[in-house]
Amino acid sequence: MPINAGDQVINKAKPEWGHGTVLNMTGNIALVRFHNKTVRKLRADFLAPAPSHKQSFCQQASVSGQAQSKPGPKQTAPDEMADAGPVAQALAMLKQMQP
């Protein structure tokens, strides 16, 4: 899949860098600004499309084994979290992970 300016990407070798936005593409070289405001020049084959926020949440719930049809006492229904901001969603996910 070709990468273009404006795309949201991750560095496959360094996923801990988080999502980045492609600022410019010159041949096979991408100029990417990551969420911590760091700008890096990377070869396009090191990059992959970033999962959307909703996909990330669904994958996290699935991996942690807490995706259930009915929320438990410490769980928040996904519908309730859809209207919450990213900080509220992160806090809700942390509460779900606590024993």
N, C-alpha and C. Protein backbone atom coordinates (compact mmCIF):
# COMPACT_ATOMS: atom_id res chain seq x y z
N MET A 1 0.84 -1.18 0.00
CA MET A 1 0.00 0.00 0.00
C MET A 1 0.89 1.25 0.00
N PRO A 2 0.69 2.13 -0.94
CA PRO A 2 1.53 3.34 -1.00
C PRO A 2 1.23 4.27 0.18
N ILE A 3 2.25 4.96 0.62
CA ILE A 3 2.10 5.92 1.72
C ILE A 3 2.17 7.32 1.12
N ASN A 4 1.25 8.16 1.55
CA ASN A 4 1.15 9.52 1.02
C ASN A 4 1.20 10.54 2.15
N ALA A 5 1.50 11.77 1.82
CA ALA A 5 1.48 12.86 2.80
C ALA A 5 0.09 12.92 3.44
N GLY A 6 0.07 13.08 4.76
CA GLY A 6 -1.19 13.15 5.49
C GLY A 6 -1.61 11.83 6.11
N ASP A 7 -1.01 10.72 5.67
CA ASP A 7 -1.38 9.41 6.21
C ASP A 7 -0.92 9.27 7.66
N GLN A 8 -1.68 8.53 8.45
CA GLN A 8 -1.31 8.18 9.82
C GLN A 8 -0.58 6.84 9.75
N VAL A 9 0.62 6.78 10.32
CA VAL A 9 1.45 5.59 10.22
C VAL A 9 2.08 5.26 11.57
N ILE A 10 2.65 4.05 11.65
CA ILE A 10 3.49 3.65 12.76
C ILE A 10 4.79 3.12 12.18
N ASN A 11 5.85 3.17 12.97
CA ASN A 11 7.12 2.57 12.57
C ASN A 11 7.06 1.11 13.01
N LYS A 12 7.09 0.18 12.06
CA LYS A 12 6.96 -1.25 12.38
C LYS A 12 8.07 -1.71 13.32
N ALA A 13 9.26 -1.13 13.21
CA ALA A 13 10.38 -1.53 14.06
C ALA A 13 10.32 -0.89 15.44
N LYS A 14 9.61 0.22 15.58
CA LYS A 14 9.52 0.95 16.85
C LYS A 14 8.08 1.36 17.15
N PRO A 15 7.18 0.40 17.37
CA PRO A 15 5.78 0.77 17.61
C PRO A 15 5.60 1.63 18.87
N GLU A 16 6.57 1.59 19.78
CA GLU A 16 6.47 2.41 20.99
C GLU A 16 6.52 3.91 20.67
N TRP A 17 6.96 4.27 19.46
CA TRP A 17 6.95 5.68 19.06
C TRP A 17 5.53 6.18 18.87
N GLY A 18 4.58 5.28 18.71
CA GLY A 18 3.19 5.68 18.52
C GLY A 18 2.89 6.09 17.09
N HIS A 19 1.74 6.73 16.93
CA HIS A 19 1.29 7.16 15.61
C HIS A 19 2.07 8.39 15.15
N GLY A 20 2.24 8.46 13.85
CA GLY A 20 2.87 9.62 13.24
C GLY A 20 2.09 10.04 12.02
N THR A 21 2.29 11.27 11.62
CA THR A 21 1.65 11.81 10.42
C THR A 21 2.73 12.05 9.38
N VAL A 22 2.51 11.52 8.17
CA VAL A 22 3.46 11.72 7.09
C VAL A 22 3.35 13.16 6.62
N LEU A 23 4.46 13.89 6.72
CA LEU A 23 4.48 15.29 6.29
C LEU A 23 4.82 15.42 4.82
N ASN A 24 5.73 14.53 4.34
CA ASN A 24 6.20 14.64 2.96
C ASN A 24 6.75 13.29 2.53
N MET A 25 6.59 12.97 1.27
CA MET A 25 7.18 11.76 0.68
C MET A 25 8.07 12.20 -0.48
N THR A 26 9.31 11.72 -0.47
CA THR A 26 10.23 11.96 -1.57
C THR A 26 10.80 10.61 -1.96
N GLY A 27 10.30 10.06 -3.06
CA GLY A 27 10.70 8.72 -3.45
C GLY A 27 10.25 7.72 -2.41
N ASN A 28 11.20 6.99 -1.81
CA ASN A 28 10.90 5.98 -0.80
C ASN A 28 11.16 6.51 0.62
N ILE A 29 11.38 7.82 0.76
CA ILE A 29 11.70 8.43 2.06
C ILE A 29 10.51 9.27 2.53
N ALA A 30 10.09 8.99 3.79
CA ALA A 30 8.97 9.73 4.38
C ALA A 30 9.49 10.61 5.51
N LEU A 31 8.98 11.81 5.58
CA LEU A 31 9.22 12.70 6.70
C LEU A 31 7.98 12.58 7.59
N VAL A 32 8.17 12.06 8.82
CA VAL A 32 7.05 11.74 9.69
C VAL A 32 7.17 12.49 11.01
N ARG A 33 6.07 13.13 11.44
CA ARG A 33 6.02 13.77 12.76
C ARG A 33 5.22 12.86 13.68
N PHE A 34 5.87 12.40 14.75
CA PHE A 34 5.23 11.52 15.71
C PHE A 34 4.54 12.32 16.81
N HIS A 35 3.71 11.65 17.62
CA HIS A 35 2.87 12.32 18.60
C HIS A 35 3.66 13.14 19.62
N ASN A 36 4.93 12.80 19.85
CA ASN A 36 5.73 13.58 20.80
C ASN A 36 6.44 14.76 20.12
N LYS A 37 6.00 15.11 18.94
CA LYS A 37 6.50 16.24 18.13
C LYS A 37 7.86 15.96 17.49
N THR A 38 8.38 14.75 17.62
CA THR A 38 9.63 14.38 16.97
C THR A 38 9.38 14.18 15.48
N VAL A 39 10.25 14.73 14.65
CA VAL A 39 10.16 14.55 13.20
C VAL A 39 11.31 13.66 12.78
N ARG A 40 10.98 12.58 12.05
CA ARG A 40 12.00 11.63 11.62
C ARG A 40 11.89 11.36 10.13
N LYS A 41 13.02 11.07 9.52
CA LYS A 41 13.08 10.72 8.11
C LYS A 41 13.27 9.20 8.06
N LEU A 42 12.31 8.49 7.46
CA LEU A 42 12.32 7.03 7.45
C LEU A 42 12.01 6.49 6.06
N ARG A 43 12.58 5.31 5.77
CA ARG A 43 12.21 4.63 4.53
C ARG A 43 10.77 4.14 4.66
N ALA A 44 10.03 4.22 3.58
CA ALA A 44 8.62 3.86 3.59
C ALA A 44 8.39 2.39 3.96
N ASP A 45 9.34 1.51 3.66
CA ASP A 45 9.12 0.10 3.98
C ASP A 45 9.20 -0.17 5.49
N PHE A 46 9.62 0.80 6.29
CA PHE A 46 9.59 0.67 7.75
C PHE A 46 8.24 1.08 8.32
N LEU A 47 7.38 1.67 7.49
CA LEU A 47 6.12 2.22 7.96
C LEU A 47 4.93 1.32 7.61
N ALA A 48 3.93 1.38 8.47
CA ALA A 48 2.67 0.67 8.24
C ALA A 48 1.54 1.62 8.59
N PRO A 49 0.38 1.46 7.96
CA PRO A 49 -0.76 2.31 8.32
C PRO A 49 -1.09 2.14 9.80
N ALA A 50 -1.36 3.23 10.47
CA ALA A 50 -1.72 3.17 11.89
C ALA A 50 -3.16 2.71 12.02
N PRO A 51 -3.43 1.83 12.98
CA PRO A 51 -4.82 1.43 13.20
C PRO A 51 -5.61 2.63 13.73
N SER A 52 -6.88 2.69 13.39
CA SER A 52 -7.69 3.79 13.89
C SER A 52 -7.86 3.62 15.40
N HIS A 53 -8.26 4.69 16.08
CA HIS A 53 -8.44 4.66 17.53
C HIS A 53 -9.45 3.59 17.93
N LYS A 54 -10.53 3.48 17.17
CA LYS A 54 -11.57 2.51 17.48
C LYS A 54 -11.02 1.09 17.32
N GLN A 55 -10.24 0.83 16.27
CA GLN A 55 -9.65 -0.49 16.08
C GLN A 55 -8.69 -0.81 17.22
N SER A 56 -7.91 0.15 17.66
CA SER A 56 -6.96 -0.07 18.75
C SER A 56 -7.70 -0.49 20.01
N PHE A 57 -8.81 0.18 20.32
CA PHE A 57 -9.57 -0.16 21.52
C PHE A 57 -10.14 -1.57 21.41
N CYS A 58 -10.69 -1.90 20.25
CA CYS A 58 -11.27 -3.24 20.05
C CYS A 58 -10.20 -4.31 20.16
N GLN A 59 -9.03 -4.07 19.59
CA GLN A 59 -7.95 -5.04 19.68
C GLN A 59 -7.50 -5.19 21.12
N GLN A 60 -7.40 -4.09 21.88
CA GLN A 60 -6.98 -4.14 23.27
C GLN A 60 -7.98 -4.96 24.09
N ALA A 61 -9.25 -4.72 23.89
CA ALA A 61 -10.27 -5.45 24.63
C ALA A 61 -10.22 -6.93 24.30
N SER A 62 -9.99 -7.25 23.05
CA SER A 62 -9.93 -8.64 22.62
C SER A 62 -8.70 -9.33 23.19
N VAL A 63 -7.55 -8.66 23.17
CA VAL A 63 -6.31 -9.24 23.67
C VAL A 63 -6.38 -9.44 25.17
N SER A 64 -6.96 -8.50 25.90
CA SER A 64 -7.00 -8.61 27.35
C SER A 64 -8.07 -9.59 27.82
N GLY A 65 -8.87 -10.13 26.89
CA GLY A 65 -9.88 -11.12 27.26
C GLY A 65 -11.08 -10.53 27.95
N GLN A 66 -11.30 -9.24 27.81
CA GLN A 66 -12.40 -8.61 28.51
C GLN A 66 -13.54 -8.21 27.58
N ALA A 67 -13.48 -8.64 26.34
CA ALA A 67 -14.58 -8.33 25.42
C ALA A 67 -15.71 -9.30 25.72
N GLN A 68 -16.77 -8.79 26.31
CA GLN A 68 -17.93 -9.59 26.68
C GLN A 68 -19.17 -8.91 26.15
N SER A 69 -20.25 -9.67 26.03
CA SER A 69 -21.48 -9.08 25.54
C SER A 69 -22.14 -8.21 26.60
N LYS A 70 -21.92 -8.52 27.89
CA LYS A 70 -22.51 -7.74 28.97
C LYS A 70 -21.39 -7.25 29.89
N PRO A 71 -21.31 -5.94 30.15
CA PRO A 71 -20.24 -5.44 31.00
C PRO A 71 -20.33 -5.99 32.41
N GLY A 72 -19.15 -6.29 32.99
CA GLY A 72 -19.08 -6.74 34.37
C GLY A 72 -19.11 -5.55 35.30
N PRO A 73 -18.90 -5.75 36.59
CA PRO A 73 -18.99 -4.64 37.54
C PRO A 73 -17.94 -3.56 37.32
N LYS A 74 -16.75 -3.90 36.81
CA LYS A 74 -15.70 -2.90 36.60
C LYS A 74 -15.56 -2.50 35.15
N GLN A 75 -16.47 -2.92 34.28
CA GLN A 75 -16.34 -2.62 32.86
C GLN A 75 -17.30 -1.52 32.46
N THR A 76 -16.89 -0.78 31.45
CA THR A 76 -17.73 0.25 30.85
C THR A 76 -18.12 -0.24 29.48
N ALA A 77 -19.38 -0.13 29.15
CA ALA A 77 -19.85 -0.58 27.85
C ALA A 77 -19.17 0.24 26.76
N PRO A 78 -18.77 -0.40 25.63
CA PRO A 78 -18.13 0.34 24.55
C PRO A 78 -18.97 1.51 24.04
N ASP A 79 -20.32 1.36 24.06
CA ASP A 79 -21.18 2.46 23.60
C ASP A 79 -21.02 3.69 24.49
N GLU A 80 -20.84 3.47 25.80
CA GLU A 80 -20.67 4.58 26.71
C GLU A 80 -19.34 5.28 26.47
N MET A 81 -18.34 4.53 26.06
CA MET A 81 -17.01 5.09 25.84
C MET A 81 -16.89 5.80 24.51
N ALA A 82 -17.77 5.52 23.58
CA ALA A 82 -17.68 6.11 22.24
C ALA A 82 -17.77 7.63 22.30
N ASP A 83 -18.56 8.16 23.25
CA ASP A 83 -18.73 9.61 23.36
C ASP A 83 -17.66 10.25 24.23
N ALA A 84 -16.89 9.44 24.94
CA ALA A 84 -15.86 9.98 25.83
C ALA A 84 -14.62 10.36 25.04
N GLY A 85 -13.84 11.28 25.58
CA GLY A 85 -12.59 11.68 24.93
C GLY A 85 -11.53 10.61 25.12
N PRO A 86 -10.38 10.76 24.47
CA PRO A 86 -9.33 9.75 24.56
C PRO A 86 -8.80 9.54 25.98
N VAL A 87 -8.76 10.59 26.79
CA VAL A 87 -8.27 10.44 28.16
C VAL A 87 -9.26 9.61 28.97
N ALA A 88 -10.55 9.91 28.83
CA ALA A 88 -11.57 9.16 29.54
C ALA A 88 -11.58 7.70 29.10
N GLN A 89 -11.37 7.46 27.81
CA GLN A 89 -11.32 6.08 27.31
C GLN A 89 -10.13 5.34 27.89
N ALA A 90 -8.98 6.01 27.95
CA ALA A 90 -7.77 5.37 28.51
C ALA A 90 -7.97 5.04 29.98
N LEU A 91 -8.57 5.97 30.74
CA LEU A 91 -8.83 5.72 32.16
C LEU A 91 -9.79 4.56 32.34
N ALA A 92 -10.81 4.49 31.52
CA ALA A 92 -11.78 3.38 31.61
C ALA A 92 -11.10 2.06 31.31
N MET A 93 -10.19 2.05 30.32
CA MET A 93 -9.47 0.81 29.99
C MET A 93 -8.58 0.39 31.15
N LEU A 94 -7.91 1.35 31.80
CA LEU A 94 -7.06 1.03 32.96
C LEU A 94 -7.89 0.46 34.11
N LYS A 95 -9.07 1.02 34.34
CA LYS A 95 -9.94 0.51 35.41
C LYS A 95 -10.35 -0.93 35.12
N GLN A 96 -10.58 -1.25 33.84
CA GLN A 96 -10.98 -2.60 33.46
C GLN A 96 -9.86 -3.61 33.71
N MET A 97 -8.61 -3.16 33.63
CA MET A 97 -7.48 -4.06 33.78
C MET A 97 -7.14 -4.32 35.24
N GLN A 98 -7.64 -3.49 36.15
CA GLN A 98 -7.32 -3.68 37.57
C GLN A 98 -8.07 -4.88 38.12
N PRO A 99 -7.40 -5.67 39.01
CA PRO A 99 -8.07 -6.84 39.59
C PRO A 99 -9.17 -6.46 40.55
